[in-house]
N, C-alpha and C. Protein backbone atom coordinates (compact mmCIF):
# COMPACT_ATOMS: atom_id res chain seq x y z
N MET A 1 18.57 5.22 -1.56
CA MET A 1 17.51 5.15 -1.32
C MET A 1 16.90 3.46 -0.75
N THR A 2 16.52 3.72 0.93
CA THR A 2 16.39 3.28 1.82
C THR A 2 15.72 1.99 1.45
N ASN A 3 15.79 1.03 1.33
CA ASN A 3 14.47 -0.13 0.97
C ASN A 3 13.14 0.55 2.62
N PRO A 4 11.78 0.09 2.41
CA PRO A 4 10.94 0.52 3.85
C PRO A 4 11.25 -0.62 4.60
N ILE A 5 10.93 -0.80 5.70
CA ILE A 5 11.30 -1.52 6.91
C ILE A 5 9.95 -2.18 6.46
N THR A 6 9.46 -3.26 7.03
CA THR A 6 8.29 -4.14 6.73
C THR A 6 8.03 -5.09 7.90
N ILE A 7 7.14 -4.62 9.20
CA ILE A 7 6.73 -5.08 10.05
C ILE A 7 4.81 -5.97 10.35
N ALA A 8 5.13 -7.58 10.71
CA ALA A 8 3.71 -7.95 10.66
C ALA A 8 2.85 -7.86 12.15
N LEU A 9 1.61 -7.53 11.64
CA LEU A 9 0.94 -7.17 12.65
C LEU A 9 0.95 -8.48 13.58
N GLY A 10 0.65 -7.96 14.85
CA GLY A 10 0.10 -9.34 15.95
C GLY A 10 -1.06 -9.36 15.70
N ILE A 11 -1.60 -8.05 15.21
CA ILE A 11 -3.31 -8.38 15.55
C ILE A 11 -3.66 -7.69 13.81
N PRO A 12 -4.00 -8.84 12.63
CA PRO A 12 -4.31 -8.21 11.28
C PRO A 12 -5.31 -7.12 11.28
N VAL A 13 -5.70 -6.29 10.63
CA VAL A 13 -6.82 -4.73 11.06
C VAL A 13 -7.25 -4.66 9.61
N SER A 14 -8.76 -4.93 9.64
CA SER A 14 -9.61 -5.09 8.88
C SER A 14 -10.18 -3.29 8.30
N VAL A 15 -10.00 -2.52 7.11
CA VAL A 15 -10.46 -1.13 7.49
C VAL A 15 -11.00 -1.58 6.19
N GLU A 16 -11.83 -0.66 5.33
CA GLU A 16 -12.60 -0.14 3.91
C GLU A 16 -12.80 -2.41 3.10
N GLY A 17 -12.70 -2.62 3.54
CA GLY A 17 -13.05 -4.40 2.42
C GLY A 17 -11.88 -4.95 2.59
N GLU A 18 -10.70 -4.37 3.45
CA GLU A 18 -9.65 -5.02 3.20
C GLU A 18 -8.63 -5.62 4.56
N THR A 19 -7.59 -6.63 4.09
CA THR A 19 -7.58 -6.83 5.62
C THR A 19 -5.63 -6.19 5.35
N ILE A 20 -5.25 -5.98 6.53
CA ILE A 20 -3.58 -5.68 6.40
C ILE A 20 -2.97 -6.18 7.45
N MET A 21 -1.99 -7.18 6.73
CA MET A 21 -1.11 -8.15 7.76
C MET A 21 0.11 -7.88 7.79
N GLU A 22 0.83 -6.84 7.20
CA GLU A 22 1.97 -6.37 7.31
C GLU A 22 1.77 -4.77 6.53
N LEU A 23 2.46 -4.31 7.54
CA LEU A 23 3.23 -2.74 7.24
C LEU A 23 4.56 -2.77 6.77
N SER A 24 4.86 -1.78 6.14
CA SER A 24 5.63 -1.05 5.36
C SER A 24 5.77 0.32 5.33
N ILE A 25 7.16 0.42 6.09
CA ILE A 25 6.95 1.89 6.67
C ILE A 25 8.79 2.63 5.72
N ARG A 26 8.09 3.38 5.07
CA ARG A 26 9.38 4.39 4.16
C ARG A 26 10.05 4.97 5.08
N ARG A 27 11.11 5.64 4.99
CA ARG A 27 11.90 7.12 5.39
C ARG A 27 11.21 7.82 5.20
N PRO A 28 10.97 8.70 6.43
CA PRO A 28 10.10 10.33 5.61
C PRO A 28 10.87 11.11 5.03
N LYS A 29 9.89 12.30 4.07
CA LYS A 29 10.90 13.01 3.81
C LYS A 29 10.49 14.27 3.83
N VAL A 30 11.19 15.49 3.64
CA VAL A 30 10.61 16.67 3.89
C VAL A 30 9.17 16.92 4.60
N ARG A 31 8.54 16.35 2.93
CA ARG A 31 7.23 16.55 2.45
C ARG A 31 6.04 16.14 3.29
N ASP A 32 6.83 14.76 3.53
CA ASP A 32 6.23 14.48 4.63
C ASP A 32 5.64 14.67 5.78
N LEU A 33 6.28 15.72 6.45
CA LEU A 33 6.82 16.06 7.57
C LEU A 33 5.89 17.56 6.80
N ARG A 34 6.06 18.10 5.92
CA ARG A 34 4.78 19.56 6.18
C ARG A 34 3.50 18.89 5.74
N THR A 35 3.36 17.97 5.26
CA THR A 35 2.14 17.55 5.46
C THR A 35 1.35 17.54 6.08
N LEU A 36 2.66 16.52 7.49
CA LEU A 36 1.90 16.06 9.17
C LEU A 36 2.11 17.50 9.48
N GLU A 37 2.27 19.01 9.53
CA GLU A 37 1.92 19.73 10.00
C GLU A 37 0.51 20.21 9.40
N GLN A 38 0.06 19.91 8.24
CA GLN A 38 -1.02 20.46 7.96
C GLN A 38 -2.06 19.65 8.11
N VAL A 39 -1.85 18.17 8.13
CA VAL A 39 -3.08 17.39 8.57
C VAL A 39 -2.82 17.58 10.02
N THR A 40 -2.45 17.44 10.61
CA THR A 40 -2.76 17.40 12.23
C THR A 40 -2.77 19.10 12.98
N GLN A 41 -2.90 20.25 12.11
CA GLN A 41 -3.18 21.23 12.47
C GLN A 41 -4.34 21.29 13.66
N GLY A 42 -4.44 21.67 14.51
CA GLY A 42 -5.50 21.61 15.58
C GLY A 42 -5.28 20.30 16.50
N LYS A 43 -5.01 19.57 15.87
CA LYS A 43 -4.39 17.86 16.79
C LYS A 43 -2.69 17.92 17.15
N ALA A 44 -2.77 18.77 18.49
CA ALA A 44 -0.70 18.80 18.81
C ALA A 44 -0.80 17.66 19.46
N SER A 45 -1.48 16.71 19.98
CA SER A 45 -0.73 15.69 20.63
C SER A 45 0.04 14.77 19.83
N GLN A 46 1.01 13.93 20.11
CA GLN A 46 1.70 13.14 20.30
C GLN A 46 1.16 12.03 19.51
N LEU A 47 0.13 11.27 19.68
CA LEU A 47 -0.54 10.23 19.83
C LEU A 47 -1.43 10.99 18.57
N ASP A 48 -2.05 11.91 17.90
CA ASP A 48 -2.13 12.59 16.59
C ASP A 48 -0.97 12.44 15.51
N GLN A 49 0.09 12.92 16.15
CA GLN A 49 0.86 13.31 14.93
C GLN A 49 1.18 12.12 14.30
N GLY A 50 1.36 11.36 15.72
CA GLY A 50 2.23 9.64 15.62
C GLY A 50 1.34 8.99 14.25
N ALA A 51 -0.12 9.17 14.57
CA ALA A 51 -0.97 7.83 14.13
C ALA A 51 -1.04 8.97 12.09
N ALA A 52 -0.76 9.67 11.98
CA ALA A 52 -0.52 11.12 10.70
C ALA A 52 0.23 10.55 9.74
N LEU A 53 1.48 10.46 11.12
CA LEU A 53 2.22 10.15 9.99
C LEU A 53 3.00 8.68 9.75
N LEU A 54 2.29 7.72 10.94
CA LEU A 54 2.18 6.32 10.43
C LEU A 54 1.28 6.02 8.90
N SER A 55 0.16 6.97 8.82
CA SER A 55 -0.41 6.39 7.81
C SER A 55 0.43 6.94 6.44
N LEU A 56 0.60 8.26 6.24
CA LEU A 56 1.58 8.65 5.94
C LEU A 56 2.63 7.65 5.09
N LEU A 57 3.33 7.14 5.99
CA LEU A 57 4.68 6.88 5.41
C LEU A 57 4.23 4.98 5.12
N ALA A 58 3.34 4.24 5.86
CA ALA A 58 2.71 2.93 5.68
C ALA A 58 1.85 2.91 4.46
N GLY A 59 1.36 4.44 4.08
CA GLY A 59 0.21 4.09 2.91
C GLY A 59 -0.63 3.34 3.25
N ILE A 60 -0.95 4.29 4.61
CA ILE A 60 -2.46 3.21 4.75
C ILE A 60 -3.75 4.58 5.47
N PRO A 61 -4.56 4.23 5.08
CA PRO A 61 -5.57 5.02 5.89
C PRO A 61 -6.10 5.26 7.30
N GLU A 62 -5.79 6.35 7.12
CA GLU A 62 -6.01 6.85 9.23
C GLU A 62 -6.54 5.87 9.88
N ALA A 63 -7.67 5.71 8.89
CA ALA A 63 -8.92 5.00 9.95
C ALA A 63 -8.43 3.30 10.00
N ALA A 64 -7.02 2.85 9.58
CA ALA A 64 -6.55 1.41 9.48
C ALA A 64 -5.70 1.81 10.83
N VAL A 65 -4.86 2.73 10.90
CA VAL A 65 -4.41 3.18 12.36
C VAL A 65 -4.72 2.75 13.15
N GLU A 66 -5.82 4.11 13.14
CA GLU A 66 -7.07 3.99 14.74
C GLU A 66 -7.53 2.90 15.15
N GLU A 67 -7.32 1.78 14.07
CA GLU A 67 -7.75 -0.12 14.67
C GLU A 67 -7.27 -0.89 14.92
N MET A 68 -5.77 0.17 14.81
CA MET A 68 -4.34 -1.40 15.18
C MET A 68 -4.38 -1.32 16.44
N ASP A 69 -4.04 -2.01 16.52
CA ASP A 69 -3.86 -2.86 18.29
C ASP A 69 -2.66 -2.15 19.20
N ALA A 70 -2.59 -1.73 20.17
CA ALA A 70 -1.76 -0.86 20.93
C ALA A 70 -0.16 -1.21 20.53
N THR A 71 0.14 -2.10 20.59
CA THR A 71 1.22 -3.36 20.78
C THR A 71 1.97 -3.10 19.14
N ASP A 72 1.26 -2.84 18.38
CA ASP A 72 1.40 -3.11 16.58
C ASP A 72 1.88 -0.89 16.41
N PHE A 73 1.14 -0.37 17.20
CA PHE A 73 1.54 1.03 17.01
C PHE A 73 2.82 1.26 17.61
N ALA A 74 2.31 0.70 18.69
CA ALA A 74 3.96 1.20 20.11
C ALA A 74 4.88 0.34 18.74
N ARG A 75 5.27 -0.86 18.01
CA ARG A 75 6.06 -1.22 17.49
C ARG A 75 6.39 -0.19 15.91
N ALA A 76 5.67 -0.11 15.40
CA ALA A 76 5.58 0.69 14.20
C ALA A 76 5.97 2.32 14.63
N SER A 77 5.83 2.63 15.75
CA SER A 77 6.04 3.94 15.90
C SER A 77 7.83 3.97 16.25
N GLU A 78 8.29 2.49 17.20
CA GLU A 78 9.78 2.69 17.31
C GLU A 78 10.33 2.68 15.86
N VAL A 79 9.79 2.37 15.53
CA VAL A 79 10.03 2.29 13.28
C VAL A 79 10.90 3.37 12.91
N ILE A 80 9.72 4.02 13.01
CA ILE A 80 9.00 5.47 11.87
C ILE A 80 10.51 6.32 13.77
N ALA A 81 10.73 6.27 14.90
CA ALA A 81 11.71 6.69 15.77
C ALA A 81 13.10 6.32 15.18
N GLY A 82 13.49 5.33 14.76
CA GLY A 82 14.42 5.01 14.39
C GLY A 82 15.02 6.05 12.97
N PHE A 83 14.24 6.35 12.27
CA PHE A 83 14.16 7.13 11.09
C PHE A 83 15.43 7.99 11.57
N PHE A 84 14.87 8.80 13.17
CA PHE A 84 15.63 9.87 13.35
C PHE A 84 16.72 9.95 14.53
N GLU A 85 17.03 8.33 15.01
CA GLU A 85 17.90 8.38 15.60
C GLU A 85 19.56 8.92 15.06
N GLY A 86 20.08 9.57 16.28
CA GLY A 86 21.24 10.42 15.90
C GLY A 86 21.17 11.69 15.65
N VAL A 87 19.65 11.69 15.00
CA VAL A 87 19.96 13.43 14.79
C VAL A 87 20.46 14.07 15.93
N MET A 88 20.50 15.80 15.38
CA MET A 88 21.12 16.79 16.91
C MET A 88 20.11 17.68 16.30
N VAL A 89 19.20 18.45 16.77
CA VAL A 89 19.07 19.31 16.95
C VAL A 89 19.96 20.43 17.95
N PRO A 90 19.69 21.51 16.69
CA PRO A 90 20.50 22.72 17.05
C PRO A 90 19.95 23.07 18.33
N ALA A 91 20.79 23.89 19.05
CA ALA A 91 20.38 24.77 20.53
C ALA A 91 19.88 25.62 20.46
N ALA A 92 18.75 26.87 20.76
CA ALA A 92 17.50 27.75 20.26
C ALA A 92 19.05 28.88 20.11
N GLY A 93 18.03 28.95 18.84
CA GLY A 93 19.41 30.72 18.21
C GLY A 93 20.37 29.92 17.49
N GLY A 94 20.74 28.94 17.15
CA GLY A 94 21.94 28.72 16.55
C GLY A 94 22.16 27.78 15.59
N ALA A 95 22.37 27.75 14.18
CA ALA A 95 22.02 26.56 13.63
C ALA A 95 23.31 25.37 13.57
C-alpha cells in the first residue's frame, strides 16, 4: 500500500472548531469512487465531484473543502489527478 501524500495548506482552514494546516491525501479505492457517485447524484459538475472526492480521500468534512483557498484546492486536485496518471481508458464498446 502506498503512503498518503501530505501537502501543507498555504492558507489554513478552520471548520467545526478545528484548524486544518495540512492534508494527507490517500490513493482512491473503488469503494471511494462508488461513494463519490452516491454523494454527487444531482451534482454533475467536475468541481462538485472534485470537492467530494477530496473530502473522502483526505478524511475532512466537505465544509472544510468549501472553505479552502482555490490555490490549495487546485494543488490537492493535482495530487488526486496524479493517482490516475497512465490509466488507459478502453475505446467505447471494448475492454
